[in-house]
Each structure stands twice: as structure tokens, then as C-alpha cells.
């Protein structure tokens, strides 16, 4: 397990990313008061575009350590992703190393960013079935999950891109995690079907 820090590079790049987002896509942020100012939490969002992590980074001064597929960590990009605090995940296996690194971050009161669908949703359905990792991490670290609903598109100056942060929820440790995962997915499904 690799020890992860809140990287200086992230703190330098974040204001630039925020300016680019504002200039190109004019995202509307709703529910920013639901983002905890301190302490650990998991930021869980639906996944529709490779710009999703950037719009989330732009939303808060908290450093968000995203879980990202290991395929991103090739060629020169691996330096950028590592310096942005992204935790590589091998999706071909149940990557226990990535999970334990993320849990260690949470235990140190950091923020983990995750897309529970595990990949872009190109199905035409509101949401893809959620992987269990998000609720598993929340249960093991007794931390809150902040659901985040991304709607609209990333077309230049479209002005319909919205990022809504819902009230934090807690996973019931005594319940079956599969049921807790279904509850989390249900929150997203109901919101996206509106």
C-alpha cells in the first residue's frame, strides 16, 4: 500500500482548472454547503464524461483523491495523475491494494472521490449498477458519503452543466452492504430520473 499525501501540485493546479471550467462550461454548483469543511468523507458521483473529475475538483478547496483506472498511468500522464493524488485501480481484479490505500486516506481524514458505476455510463439508462467499493470503504472507516449528481453536458458554453451535492449519508454497518449499495444507487436513480 502506497502512502498518499495531499499533493502540492493539486493545490497549484486546482485554481487553473476552476477557471477553465468556468470559462468553457459555466457549471452550476448546487448544495456546496453539503461538502464537509473538514474530516473524512467519500464524494460519490455518477460518471458521464472524462471531465467529471475536473468539474468536481473545481467545486471544493478540499483535496479529492480519486480512484482511477490503472490504464491512465501510462506514458507521461502517469506523472500528472500521481501528482494529482489519484489512486490507481486495476479493474481486471478485485484490487485490494487500491481499496486499502483509499481506506488509509480516509483514516487520515482525507477525501476520496469515486464513481461507483466504475466506468462511463453510455447505456442510455440513468445509472449503471454500482460496484460495492464505495459503501465498503464507508462502512470500514465510519465516514459519510456525499452523493453528487452531474447533469447537463460539456459542450462549449452550454450553460446547462450542473453539479448537485446532496446531504451526506451514513452506511449502516449492521446491514448487508449489498442492500446499502442498492440504497445509494436508488438515491442516484431517483434524482436522475426526474
Foldseek 3Di string as FASTA:
>chain_A
DDAFDQFPVLLVCQVVLLVVCCQWPNEAEAPLVQDDPWFEEEEEEAAADPCVVSVVSNSDSAQEAEEDECVQCDDPSVVVNVNSNHQYDDPVDRGVVSLVNVLVCNLVRGYYYYHQLRDHDPPPALGHQGDLSRLVSCLVNVHWYWYWYWDDDRHTHPNPTYIYTDHTDHQDNVDDSVVSSVVSVVVSRVVSVD
